[in-house]
Amino acid sequence: MLKRSAILASTAAAAAFGFMGLTATPAQAIDNVTCRDGAGYTEIFNEKRHCFANAGRADVWITNVYEIRANNNNITIWYRYGTGGIAQTQLNKNQNWTNINPRITVEDIQIH
């Protein structure tokens, strides 16, 4: 009986260790934050101003975009014009993409 208990205990310990080894680390996630002038957040403009902070990548769907400001971040955005294919561009810290015409739909954003 003692041998069986020891086997069960070691099996349980191995299973617990295995689960600990498979536990994912928290993903870096962009936060959609309240816009504040001078805060340095990445900003995307359409009928309103959308602001993002922290490194990571996020799926978004922001239509009718006419301006993007990287501010204190290096960013990559994935976008499309109308029903066309997806394209991507990078903006480095303090770069702006202004007067976007025709306007675009931003589908993904990554802050590096």
PDB file of N, CA and C in Angstrom:
ATOM      1  N   MET A   1       0.826  -1.187   0.000  1.00  0.00           N
ATOM      2  CA  MET A   1       0.000   0.000   0.000  1.00  0.00           C
ATOM      3  C   MET A   1       0.873   1.255   0.000  1.00  0.00           C
ATOM      4  N   LEU A   2       1.968   1.239   0.754  1.00  0.00           N
ATOM      5  CA  LEU A   2       2.865   2.375   0.819  1.00  0.00           C
ATOM      6  C   LEU A   2       3.495   2.645  -0.549  1.00  0.00           C
ATOM      7  N   LYS A   3       3.858   1.573  -1.256  1.00  0.00           N
ATOM      8  CA  LYS A   3       4.465   1.716  -2.569  1.00  0.00           C
ATOM      9  C   LYS A   3       3.468   2.354  -3.532  1.00  0.00           C
ATOM     10  N   ARG A   4       2.207   1.935  -3.475  1.00  0.00           N
ATOM     11  CA  ARG A   4       1.179   2.479  -4.361  1.00  0.00           C
ATOM     12  C   ARG A   4       0.959   3.962  -4.071  1.00  0.00           C
ATOM     13  N   SER A   5       0.951   4.363  -2.806  1.00  0.00           N
ATOM     14  CA  SER A   5       0.794   5.766  -2.421  1.00  0.00           C
ATOM     15  C   SER A   5       1.964   6.594  -2.934  1.00  0.00           C
ATOM     16  N   ALA A   6       3.158   6.036  -2.845  1.00  0.00           N
ATOM     17  CA  ALA A   6       4.337   6.755  -3.324  1.00  0.00           C
ATOM     18  C   ALA A   6       4.270   6.948  -4.834  1.00  0.00           C
ATOM     19  N   ILE A   7       3.814   5.944  -5.567  1.00  0.00           N
ATOM     20  CA  ILE A   7       3.678   6.049  -7.025  1.00  0.00           C
ATOM     21  C   ILE A   7       2.631   7.103  -7.375  1.00  0.00           C
ATOM     22  N   LEU A   8       1.493   7.075  -6.694  1.00  0.00           N
ATOM     23  CA  LEU A   8       0.446   8.064  -6.957  1.00  0.00           C
ATOM     24  C   LEU A   8       0.930   9.474  -6.647  1.00  0.00           C
ATOM     25  N   ALA A   9       1.658   9.628  -5.555  1.00  0.00           N
ATOM     26  CA  ALA A   9       2.170  10.944  -5.172  1.00  0.00           C
ATOM     27  C   ALA A   9       3.176  11.449  -6.202  1.00  0.00           C
ATOM     28  N   SER A  10       4.060  10.572  -6.670  1.00  0.00           N
ATOM     29  CA  SER A  10       5.053  11.012  -7.660  1.00  0.00           C
ATOM     30  C   SER A  10       4.386  11.304  -9.002  1.00  0.00           C
ATOM     31  N   THR A  11       3.338  10.558  -9.357  1.00  0.00           N
ATOM     32  CA  THR A  11       2.594  10.813 -10.586  1.00  0.00           C
ATOM     33  C   THR A  11       1.890  12.170 -10.498  1.00  0.00           C
ATOM     34  N   ALA A  12       1.280  12.457  -9.359  1.00  0.00           N
ATOM     35  CA  ALA A  12       0.610  13.742  -9.162  1.00  0.00           C
ATOM     36  C   ALA A  12       1.613  14.886  -9.227  1.00  0.00           C
ATOM     37  N   ALA A  13       2.778  14.690  -8.615  1.00  0.00           N
ATOM     38  CA  ALA A  13       3.811  15.726  -8.638  1.00  0.00           C
ATOM     39  C   ALA A  13       4.311  15.953 -10.062  1.00  0.00           C
ATOM     40  N   ALA A  14       4.502  14.879 -10.806  1.00  0.00           N
ATOM     41  CA  ALA A  14       4.954  14.999 -12.196  1.00  0.00           C
ATOM     42  C   ALA A  14       3.899  15.711 -13.040  1.00  0.00           C
ATOM     43  N   ALA A  15       2.642  15.388 -12.815  1.00  0.00           N
ATOM     44  CA  ALA A  15       1.562  16.039 -13.563  1.00  0.00           C
ATOM     45  C   ALA A  15       1.520  17.525 -13.236  1.00  0.00           C
ATOM     46  N   ALA A  16       1.651  17.854 -11.945  1.00  0.00           N
ATOM     47  CA  ALA A  16       1.638  19.266 -11.553  1.00  0.00           C
ATOM     48  C   ALA A  16       2.824  19.997 -12.153  1.00  0.00           C
ATOM     49  N   PHE A  17       3.984  19.386 -12.152  1.00  0.00           N
ATOM     50  CA  PHE A  17       5.170  19.987 -12.743  1.00  0.00           C
ATOM     51  C   PHE A  17       4.977  20.177 -14.241  1.00  0.00           C
ATOM     52  N   GLY A  18       4.379  19.187 -14.883  1.00  0.00           N
ATOM     53  CA  GLY A  18       4.124  19.292 -16.323  1.00  0.00           C
ATOM     54  C   GLY A  18       3.213  20.444 -16.639  1.00  0.00           C
ATOM     55  N   PHE A  19       2.174  20.644 -15.833  1.00  0.00           N
ATOM     56  CA  PHE A  19       1.265  21.767 -16.069  1.00  0.00           C
ATOM     57  C   PHE A  19       1.975  23.088 -15.822  1.00  0.00           C
ATOM     58  N   MET A  20       2.823  23.122 -14.813  1.00  0.00           N
ATOM     59  CA  MET A  20       3.567  24.351 -14.560  1.00  0.00           C
ATOM     60  C   MET A  20       4.485  24.644 -15.731  1.00  0.00           C
ATOM     61  N   GLY A  21       5.088  23.624 -16.312  1.00  0.00           N
ATOM     62  CA  GLY A  21       5.982  23.817 -17.447  1.00  0.00           C
ATOM     63  C   GLY A  21       5.245  24.269 -18.701  1.00  0.00           C
ATOM     64  N   LEU A  22       3.959  23.953 -18.807  1.00  0.00           N
ATOM     65  CA  LEU A  22       3.188  24.322 -19.989  1.00  0.00           C
ATOM     66  C   LEU A  22       2.438  25.628 -19.821  1.00  0.00           C
ATOM     67  N   THR A  23       2.473  26.198 -18.639  1.00  0.00           N
ATOM     68  CA  THR A  23       1.746  27.434 -18.411  1.00  0.00           C
ATOM     69  C   THR A  23       2.333  28.540 -19.269  1.00  0.00           C
ATOM     70  N   ALA A  24       1.479  29.218 -19.993  1.00  0.00           N
ATOM     71  CA  ALA A  24       1.930  30.292 -20.872  1.00  0.00           C
ATOM     72  C   ALA A  24       2.267  31.530 -20.055  1.00  0.00           C
ATOM     73  N   THR A  25       3.268  32.261 -20.534  1.00  0.00           N
ATOM     74  CA  THR A  25       3.571  33.537 -19.908  1.00  0.00           C
ATOM     75  C   THR A  25       2.558  34.561 -20.406  1.00  0.00           C
ATOM     76  N   PRO A  26       2.296  35.597 -19.639  1.00  0.00           N
ATOM     77  CA  PRO A  26       1.324  36.594 -20.075  1.00  0.00           C
ATOM     78  C   PRO A  26       1.768  37.246 -21.382  1.00  0.00           C
ATOM     79  N   ALA A  27       0.861  37.382 -22.310  1.00  0.00           N
ATOM     80  CA  ALA A  27       1.164  38.010 -23.588  1.00  0.00           C
ATOM     81  C   ALA A  27       1.234  39.514 -23.407  1.00  0.00           C
ATOM     82  N   GLN A  28       2.087  40.125 -24.184  1.00  0.00           N
ATOM     83  CA  GLN A  28       2.104  41.571 -24.173  1.00  0.00           C
ATOM     84  C   GLN A  28       0.890  42.049 -24.936  1.00  0.00           C
ATOM     85  N   ALA A  29       0.193  42.978 -24.382  1.00  0.00           N
ATOM     86  CA  ALA A  29      -1.034  43.437 -25.016  1.00  0.00           C
ATOM     87  C   ALA A  29      -1.082  44.948 -25.045  1.00  0.00           C
ATOM     88  N   ILE A  30      -1.501  45.441 -26.168  1.00  0.00           N
ATOM     89  CA  ILE A  30      -1.729  46.872 -26.310  1.00  0.00           C
ATOM     90  C   ILE A  30      -2.977  47.233 -25.523  1.00  0.00           C
ATOM     91  N   ASP A  31      -2.950  48.394 -24.911  1.00  0.00           N
ATOM     92  CA  ASP A  31      -4.122  48.902 -24.217  1.00  0.00           C
ATOM     93  C   ASP A  31      -4.715  50.057 -25.005  1.00  0.00           C
ATOM     94  N   ASN A  32      -6.027  50.048 -25.156  1.00  0.00           N
ATOM     95  CA  ASN A  32      -6.747  51.179 -25.729  1.00  0.00           C
ATOM     96  C   ASN A  32      -7.000  52.114 -24.553  1.00  0.00           C
ATOM     97  N   VAL A  33      -6.336  53.259 -24.553  1.00  0.00           N
ATOM     98  CA  VAL A  33      -6.347  54.140 -23.395  1.00  0.00           C
ATOM     99  C   VAL A  33      -7.088  55.444 -23.694  1.00  0.00           C
ATOM    100  N   THR A  34      -7.422  56.160 -22.648  1.00  0.00           N
ATOM    101  CA  THR A  34      -8.022  57.483 -22.792  1.00  0.00           C
ATOM    102  C   THR A  34      -6.961  58.432 -23.320  1.00  0.00           C
ATOM    103  N   CYS A  35      -7.273  59.128 -24.380  1.00  0.00           N
ATOM    104  CA  CYS A  35      -6.326  60.049 -25.000  1.00  0.00           C
ATOM    105  C   CYS A  35      -6.066  61.248 -24.089  1.00  0.00           C
ATOM    106  N   ARG A  36      -4.787  61.614 -24.001  1.00  0.00           N
ATOM    107  CA  ARG A  36      -4.377  62.808 -23.258  1.00  0.00           C
ATOM    108  C   ARG A  36      -3.325  63.531 -24.076  1.00  0.00           C
ATOM    109  N   ASP A  37      -3.502  64.802 -24.291  1.00  0.00           N
ATOM    110  CA  ASP A  37      -2.519  65.584 -25.039  1.00  0.00           C
ATOM    111  C   ASP A  37      -1.158  65.488 -24.365  1.00  0.00           C
ATOM    112  N   GLY A  38      -0.126  65.244 -25.173  1.00  0.00           N
ATOM    113  CA  GLY A  38       1.237  65.187 -24.663  1.00  0.00           C
ATOM    114  C   GLY A  38       1.626  63.894 -23.978  1.00  0.00           C
ATOM    115  N   ALA A  39       0.740  62.891 -23.942  1.00  0.00           N
ATOM    116  CA  ALA A  39       1.038  61.632 -23.245  1.00  0.00           C
ATOM    117  C   ALA A  39       1.965  60.723 -24.048  1.00  0.00           C
ATOM    118  N   GLY A  40       2.085  60.940 -25.348  1.00  0.00           N
ATOM    119  CA  GLY A  40       2.976  60.130 -26.168  1.00  0.00           C
ATOM    120  C   GLY A  40       2.371  58.846 -26.680  1.00  0.00           C
ATOM    121  N   TYR A  41       1.065  58.658 -26.517  1.00  0.00           N
ATOM    122  CA  TYR A  41       0.405  57.445 -26.997  1.00  0.00           C
ATOM    123  C   TYR A  41       0.351  57.438 -28.525  1.00  0.00           C
ATOM    124  N   THR A  42       0.297  56.241 -29.108  1.00  0.00           N
ATOM    125  CA  THR A  42       0.010  56.130 -30.531  1.00  0.00           C
ATOM    126  C   THR A  42      -1.427  56.575 -30.745  1.00  0.00           C
ATOM    127  N   GLU A  43      -1.655  57.396 -31.780  1.00  0.00           N
ATOM    128  CA  GLU A  43      -2.984  57.946 -32.031  1.00  0.00           C
ATOM    129  C   GLU A  43      -3.431  57.622 -33.452  1.00  0.00           C
ATOM    130  N   ILE A  44      -4.671  57.203 -33.584  1.00  0.00           N
ATOM    131  CA  ILE A  44      -5.290  56.945 -34.883  1.00  0.00           C
ATOM    132  C   ILE A  44      -6.559  57.790 -34.944  1.00  0.00           C
ATOM    133  N   PHE A  45      -6.689  58.559 -36.032  1.00  0.00           N
ATOM    134  CA  PHE A  45      -7.798  59.505 -36.146  1.00  0.00           C
ATOM    135  C   PHE A  45      -8.777  59.088 -37.240  1.00  0.00           C
ATOM    136  N   ASN A  46     -10.047  59.066 -36.899  1.00  0.00           N
ATOM    137  CA  ASN A  46     -11.148  59.051 -37.858  1.00  0.00           C
ATOM    138  C   ASN A  46     -12.133  60.086 -37.326  1.00  0.00           C
ATOM    139  N   GLU A  47     -13.377  59.741 -37.138  1.00  0.00           N
ATOM    140  CA  GLU A  47     -14.310  60.704 -36.560  1.00  0.00           C
ATOM    141  C   GLU A  47     -13.972  61.014 -35.110  1.00  0.00           C
ATOM    142  N   LYS A  48     -13.143  60.176 -34.494  1.00  0.00           N
ATOM    143  CA  LYS A  48     -12.668  60.412 -33.138  1.00  0.00           C
ATOM    144  C   LYS A  48     -11.201  60.053 -33.058  1.00  0.00           C
ATOM    145  N   ARG A  49     -10.598  60.274 -31.922  1.00  0.00           N
ATOM    146  CA  ARG A  49      -9.179  59.980 -31.708  1.00  0.00           C
ATOM    147  C   ARG A  49      -9.073  58.713 -30.875  1.00  0.00           C
ATOM    148  N   HIS A  50      -8.375  57.706 -31.402  1.00  0.00           N
ATOM    149  CA  HIS A  50      -8.153  56.425 -30.711  1.00  0.00           C
ATOM    150  C   HIS A  50      -6.699  56.410 -30.243  1.00  0.00           C
ATOM    151  N   CYS A  51      -6.462  56.072 -28.977  1.00  0.00           N
ATOM    152  CA  CYS A  51      -5.110  56.074 -28.427  1.00  0.00           C
ATOM    153  C   CYS A  51      -4.738  54.692 -27.894  1.00  0.00           C
ATOM    154  N   PHE A  52      -3.469  54.332 -28.108  1.00  0.00           N
ATOM    155  CA  PHE A  52      -2.966  53.017 -27.717  1.00  0.00           C
ATOM    156  C   PHE A  52      -1.634  53.161 -27.000  1.00  0.00           C
ATOM    157  N   ALA A  53      -1.423  52.296 -25.989  1.00  0.00           N
ATOM    158  CA  ALA A  53      -0.185  52.303 -25.209  1.00  0.00           C
ATOM    159  C   ALA A  53       0.274  50.873 -24.964  1.00  0.00           C
ATOM    160  N   ASN A  54       1.528  50.724 -24.663  1.00  0.00           N
ATOM    161  CA  ASN A  54       2.186  49.465 -24.277  1.00  0.00           C
ATOM    162  C   ASN A  54       2.508  48.592 -25.484  1.00  0.00           C
ATOM    163  N   ALA A  55       3.607  47.876 -25.366  1.00  0.00           N
ATOM    164  CA  ALA A  55       4.082  47.021 -26.456  1.00  0.00           C
ATOM    165  C   ALA A  55       3.175  45.822 -26.642  1.00  0.00           C
ATOM    166  N   GLY A  56       3.066  45.382 -27.873  1.00  0.00           N
ATOM    167  CA  GLY A  56       2.273  44.215 -28.207  1.00  0.00           C
ATOM    168  C   GLY A  56       1.558  44.418 -29.524  1.00  0.00           C
ATOM    169  N   ARG A  57       0.632  43.534 -29.796  1.00  0.00           N
ATOM    170  CA  ARG A  57      -0.118  43.595 -31.050  1.00  0.00           C
ATOM    171  C   ARG A  57      -1.595  43.385 -30.750  1.00  0.00           C
ATOM    172  N   ALA A  58      -2.440  44.083 -31.505  1.00  0.00           N
ATOM    173  CA  ALA A  58      -3.884  43.971 -31.290  1.00  0.00           C
ATOM    174  C   ALA A  58      -4.610  44.007 -32.623  1.00  0.00           C
ATOM    175  N   ASP A  59      -5.657  43.196 -32.712  1.00  0.00           N
ATOM    176  CA  ASP A  59      -6.580  43.267 -33.845  1.00  0.00           C
ATOM    177  C   ASP A  59      -7.535  44.414 -33.569  1.00  0.00           C
ATOM    178  N   VAL A  60      -7.662  45.294 -34.530  1.00  0.00           N
ATOM    179  CA  VAL A  60      -8.591  46.414 -34.406  1.00  0.00           C
ATOM    180  C   VAL A  60      -9.379  46.509 -35.701  1.00  0.00           C
ATOM    181  N   TRP A  61     -10.388  47.313 -35.713  1.00  0.00           N
ATOM    182  CA  TRP A  61     -11.159  47.587 -36.927  1.00  0.00           C
ATOM    183  C   TRP A  61     -11.564  49.045 -36.846  1.00  0.00           C
ATOM    184  N   ILE A  62     -10.686  49.910 -37.365  1.00  0.00           N
ATOM    185  CA  ILE A  62     -10.925  51.351 -37.313  1.00  0.00           C
ATOM    186  C   ILE A  62     -11.054  51.839 -38.744  1.00  0.00           C
ATOM    187  N   THR A  63     -12.249  52.239 -39.115  1.00  0.00           N
ATOM    188  CA  THR A  63     -12.528  52.648 -40.488  1.00  0.00           C
ATOM    189  C   THR A  63     -12.363  54.160 -40.658  1.00  0.00           C
ATOM    190  N   ASN A  64     -12.265  54.562 -41.919  1.00  0.00           N
ATOM    191  CA  ASN A  64     -12.277  55.986 -42.275  1.00  0.00           C
ATOM    192  C   ASN A  64     -11.107  56.746 -41.644  1.00  0.00           C
ATOM    193  N   VAL A  65      -9.947  56.109 -41.544  1.00  0.00           N
ATOM    194  CA  VAL A  65      -8.775  56.704 -40.893  1.00  0.00           C
ATOM    195  C   VAL A  65      -8.093  57.678 -41.847  1.00  0.00           C
ATOM    196  N   TYR A  66      -7.832  58.886 -41.344  1.00  0.00           N
ATOM    197  CA  TYR A  66      -7.159  59.897 -42.163  1.00  0.00           C
ATOM    198  C   TYR A  66      -5.821  60.353 -41.597  1.00  0.00           C
ATOM    199  N   GLU A  67      -5.470  59.908 -40.359  1.00  0.00           N
ATOM    200  CA  GLU A  67      -4.183  60.300 -39.781  1.00  0.00           C
ATOM    201  C   GLU A  67      -3.761  59.289 -38.712  1.00  0.00           C
ATOM    202  N   ILE A  68      -2.437  59.009 -38.670  1.00  0.00           N
ATOM    203  CA  ILE A  68      -1.856  58.126 -37.654  1.00  0.00           C
ATOM    204  C   ILE A  68      -0.599  58.803 -37.131  1.00  0.00           C
ATOM    205  N   ARG A  69      -0.463  58.846 -35.810  1.00  0.00           N
ATOM    206  CA  ARG A  69       0.718  59.423 -35.165  1.00  0.00           C
ATOM    207  C   ARG A  69       1.377  58.358 -34.294  1.00  0.00           C
ATOM    208  N   ALA A  70       2.649  58.097 -34.532  1.00  0.00           N
ATOM    209  CA  ALA A  70       3.376  57.117 -33.718  1.00  0.00           C
ATOM    210  C   ALA A  70       3.708  57.679 -32.337  1.00  0.00           C
ATOM    211  N   ASN A  71       3.966  58.964 -32.270  1.00  0.00           N
ATOM    212  CA  ASN A  71       4.376  59.642 -31.033  1.00  0.00           C
ATOM    213  C   ASN A  71       5.577  58.946 -30.407  1.00  0.00           C
ATOM    214  N   ASN A  72       5.527  58.477 -29.164  1.00  0.00           N
ATOM    215  CA  ASN A  72       6.706  57.907 -28.488  1.00  0.00           C
ATOM    216  C   ASN A  72       6.956  56.446 -28.822  1.00  0.00           C
ATOM    217  N   ASN A  73       6.364  55.931 -29.902  1.00  0.00           N
ATOM    218  CA  ASN A  73       6.443  54.503 -30.202  1.00  0.00           C
ATOM    219  C   ASN A  73       6.928  54.237 -31.617  1.00  0.00           C
ATOM    220  N   ASN A  74       7.513  53.069 -31.802  1.00  0.00           N
ATOM    221  CA  ASN A  74       7.735  52.521 -33.137  1.00  0.00           C
ATOM    222  C   ASN A  74       6.571  51.571 -33.376  1.00  0.00           C
ATOM    223  N   ILE A  75       5.864  51.734 -34.492  1.00  0.00           N
ATOM    224  CA  ILE A  75       4.655  50.941 -34.720  1.00  0.00           C
ATOM    225  C   ILE A  75       4.643  50.345 -36.119  1.00  0.00           C
ATOM    226  N   THR A  76       3.908  49.260 -36.250  1.00  0.00           N
ATOM    227  CA  THR A  76       3.556  48.682 -37.550  1.00  0.00           C
ATOM    228  C   THR A  76       2.047  48.614 -37.595  1.00  0.00           C
ATOM    229  N   ILE A  77       1.481  49.029 -38.713  1.00  0.00           N
ATOM    230  CA  ILE A  77       0.037  48.911 -38.880  1.00  0.00           C
ATOM    231  C   ILE A  77      -0.256  48.116 -40.145  1.00  0.00           C
ATOM    232  N   TRP A  78      -1.340  47.360 -40.086  1.00  0.00           N
ATOM    233  CA  TRP A  78      -1.858  46.624 -41.232  1.00  0.00           C
ATOM    234  C   TRP A  78      -3.189  47.269 -41.583  1.00  0.00           C
ATOM    235  N   TYR A  79      -3.367  47.586 -42.862  1.00  0.00           N
ATOM    236  CA  TYR A  79      -4.530  48.365 -43.274  1.00  0.00           C
ATOM    237  C   TYR A  79      -4.941  47.979 -44.681  1.00  0.00           C
ATOM    238  N   ARG A  80      -6.101  48.496 -45.083  1.00  0.00           N
ATOM    239  CA  ARG A  80      -6.534  48.327 -46.473  1.00  0.00           C
ATOM    240  C   ARG A  80      -7.271  49.569 -46.929  1.00  0.00           C
ATOM    241  N   TYR A  81      -7.147  49.824 -48.237  1.00  0.00           N
ATOM    242  CA  TYR A  81      -7.919  50.869 -48.910  1.00  0.00           C
ATOM    243  C   TYR A  81      -9.163  50.207 -49.462  1.00  0.00           C
ATOM    244  N   GLY A  82     -10.328  50.683 -49.121  1.00  0.00           N
ATOM    245  CA  GLY A  82     -11.573  50.134 -49.661  1.00  0.00           C
ATOM    246  C   GLY A  82     -11.632  48.626 -49.506  1.00  0.00           C
ATOM    247  N   THR A  83     -11.879  47.929 -50.607  1.00  0.00           N
ATOM    248  CA  THR A  83     -11.960  46.464 -50.583  1.00  0.00           C
ATOM    249  C   THR A  83     -10.668  45.825 -51.074  1.00  0.00           C
ATOM    250  N   GLY A  84      -9.615  46.623 -51.215  1.00  0.00           N
ATOM    251  CA  GLY A  84      -8.333  46.110 -51.689  1.00  0.00           C
ATOM    252  C   GLY A  84      -7.664  45.200 -50.678  1.00  0.00           C
ATOM    253  N   GLY A  85      -6.529  44.665 -51.080  1.00  0.00           N
ATOM    254  CA  GLY A  85      -5.771  43.753 -50.223  1.00  0.00           C
ATOM    255  C   GLY A  85      -5.138  44.474 -49.048  1.00  0.00           C
ATOM    256  N   ILE A  86      -4.669  43.685 -48.123  1.00  0.00           N
ATOM    257  CA  ILE A  86      -4.050  44.211 -46.912  1.00  0.00           C
ATOM    258  C   ILE A  86      -2.639  44.700 -47.229  1.00  0.00           C
ATOM    259  N   ALA A  87      -2.255  45.802 -46.621  1.00  0.00           N
ATOM    260  CA  ALA A  87      -0.910  46.360 -46.767  1.00  0.00           C
ATOM    261  C   ALA A  87      -0.383  46.671 -45.372  1.00  0.00           C
ATOM    262  N   GLN A  88       0.887  46.947 -45.282  1.00  0.00           N
ATOM    263  CA  GLN A  88       1.456  47.268 -43.975  1.00  0.00           C
ATOM    264  C   GLN A  88       2.454  48.396 -44.133  1.00  0.00           C
ATOM    265  N   THR A  89       2.606  49.155 -43.073  1.00  0.00           N
ATOM    266  CA  THR A  89       3.613  50.213 -43.037  1.00  0.00           C
ATOM    267  C   THR A  89       4.128  50.352 -41.618  1.00  0.00           C
ATOM    268  N   GLN A  90       5.335  50.875 -41.519  1.00  0.00           N
ATOM    269  CA  GLN A  90       5.926  51.126 -40.211  1.00  0.00           C
ATOM    270  C   GLN A  90       6.127  52.616 -40.033  1.00  0.00           C
ATOM    271  N   LEU A  91       5.901  53.073 -38.838  1.00  0.00           N
ATOM    272  CA  LEU A  91       6.207  54.445 -38.465  1.00  0.00           C
ATOM    273  C   LEU A  91       7.150  54.393 -37.274  1.00  0.00           C
ATOM    274  N   ASN A  92       8.213  55.163 -37.351  1.00  0.00           N
ATOM    275  CA  ASN A  92       9.147  55.229 -36.249  1.00  0.00           C
ATOM    276  C   ASN A  92       8.724  56.316 -35.273  1.00  0.00           C
ATOM    277  N   LYS A  93       9.359  56.307 -34.131  1.00  0.00           N
ATOM    278  CA  LYS A  93       9.047  57.266 -33.079  1.00  0.00           C
ATOM    279  C   LYS A  93       8.934  58.681 -33.649  1.00  0.00           C
ATOM    280  N   ASN A  94       7.855  59.355 -33.288  1.00  0.00           N
ATOM    281  CA  ASN A  94       7.556  60.737 -33.674  1.00  0.00           C
ATOM    282  C   ASN A  94       7.237  60.925 -35.157  1.00  0.00           C
ATOM    283  N   GLN A  95       7.042  59.851 -35.911  1.00  0.00           N
ATOM    284  CA  GLN A  95       6.594  59.985 -37.298  1.00  0.00           C
ATOM    285  C   GLN A  95       5.078  60.037 -37.346  1.00  0.00           C
ATOM    286  N   ASN A  96       4.570  60.776 -38.321  1.00  0.00           N
ATOM    287  CA  ASN A  96       3.133  60.879 -38.541  1.00  0.00           C
ATOM    288  C   ASN A  96       2.823  60.515 -39.983  1.00  0.00           C
ATOM    289  N   TRP A  97       1.659  59.936 -40.202  1.00  0.00           N
ATOM    290  CA  TRP A  97       1.133  59.700 -41.545  1.00  0.00           C
ATOM    291  C   TRP A  97      -0.138  60.528 -41.602  1.00  0.00           C
ATOM    292  N   THR A  98      -0.071  61.656 -42.314  1.00  0.00           N
ATOM    293  CA  THR A  98      -1.176  62.609 -42.309  1.00  0.00           C
ATOM    294  C   THR A  98      -1.837  62.682 -43.682  1.00  0.00           C
ATOM    295  N   ASN A  99      -3.012  63.270 -43.710  1.00  0.00           N
ATOM    296  CA  ASN A  99      -3.770  63.484 -44.955  1.00  0.00           C
ATOM    297  C   ASN A  99      -3.893  62.204 -45.771  1.00  0.00           C
ATOM    298  N   ILE A 100      -4.237  61.104 -45.129  1.00  0.00           N
ATOM    299  CA  ILE A 100      -4.378  59.819 -45.813  1.00  0.00           C
ATOM    300  C   ILE A 100      -5.612  59.909 -46.718  1.00  0.00           C
ATOM    301  N   ASN A 101      -5.370  59.773 -48.022  1.00  0.00           N
ATOM    302  CA  ASN A 101      -6.455  59.906 -48.986  1.00  0.00           C
ATOM    303  C   ASN A 101      -6.194  58.972 -50.159  1.00  0.00           C
ATOM    304  N   PRO A 102      -7.057  58.017 -50.462  1.00  0.00           N
ATOM    305  CA  PRO A 102      -8.327  57.779 -49.788  1.00  0.00           C
ATOM    306  C   PRO A 102      -8.085  57.242 -48.377  1.00  0.00           C
ATOM    307  N   ARG A 103      -9.093  57.421 -47.558  1.00  0.00           N
ATOM    308  CA  ARG A 103      -9.000  56.974 -46.170  1.00  0.00           C
ATOM    309  C   ARG A 103      -8.889  55.451 -46.104  1.00  0.00           C
ATOM    310  N   ILE A 104      -8.330  54.964 -45.007  1.00  0.00           N
ATOM    311  CA  ILE A 104      -8.032  53.533 -44.864  1.00  0.00           C
ATOM    312  C   ILE A 104      -8.807  52.923 -43.691  1.00  0.00           C
ATOM    313  N   THR A 105      -8.810  51.583 -43.669  1.00  0.00           N
ATOM    314  CA  THR A 105      -9.288  50.825 -42.516  1.00  0.00           C
ATOM    315  C   THR A 105      -8.080  50.158 -41.873  1.00  0.00           C
ATOM    316  N   VAL A 106      -7.831  50.457 -40.611  1.00  0.00           N
ATOM    317  CA  VAL A 106      -6.730  49.837 -39.869  1.00  0.00           C
ATOM    318  C   VAL A 106      -7.266  48.565 -39.244  1.00  0.00           C
ATOM    319  N   GLU A 107      -6.574  47.433 -39.509  1.00  0.00           N
ATOM    320  CA  GLU A 107      -7.035  46.132 -39.024  1.00  0.00           C
ATOM    321  C   GLU A 107      -6.182  45.558 -37.907  1.00  0.00           C
ATOM    322  N   ASP A 108      -4.909  45.923 -37.868  1.00  0.00           N
ATOM    323  CA  ASP A 108      -3.998  45.443 -36.819  1.00  0.00           C
ATOM    324  C   ASP A 108      -3.015  46.550 -36.512  1.00  0.00           C
ATOM    325  N   ILE A 109      -2.561  46.577 -35.272  1.00  0.00           N
ATOM    326  CA  ILE A 109      -1.534  47.512 -34.870  1.00  0.00           C
ATOM    327  C   ILE A 109      -0.559  46.798 -33.939  1.00  0.00           C
ATOM    328  N   GLN A 110       0.723  47.075 -34.142  1.00  0.00           N
ATOM    329  CA  GLN A 110       1.752  46.525 -33.261  1.00  0.00           C
ATOM    330  C   GLN A 110       2.622  47.676 -32.775  1.00  0.00           C
ATOM    331  N   ILE A 111       2.794  47.734 -31.473  1.00  0.00           N
ATOM    332  CA  ILE A 111       3.719  48.697 -30.876  1.00  0.00           C
ATOM    333  C   ILE A 111       4.947  47.903 -30.469  1.00  0.00           C
ATOM    334  N   HIS A 112       6.113  48.328 -30.964  1.00  0.00           N
ATOM    335  CA  HIS A 112       7.365  47.596 -30.712  1.00  0.00           C
ATOM    336  C   HIS A 112       8.052  48.118 -29.478  1.00  0.00           C
TER     337      HIS A 112
END
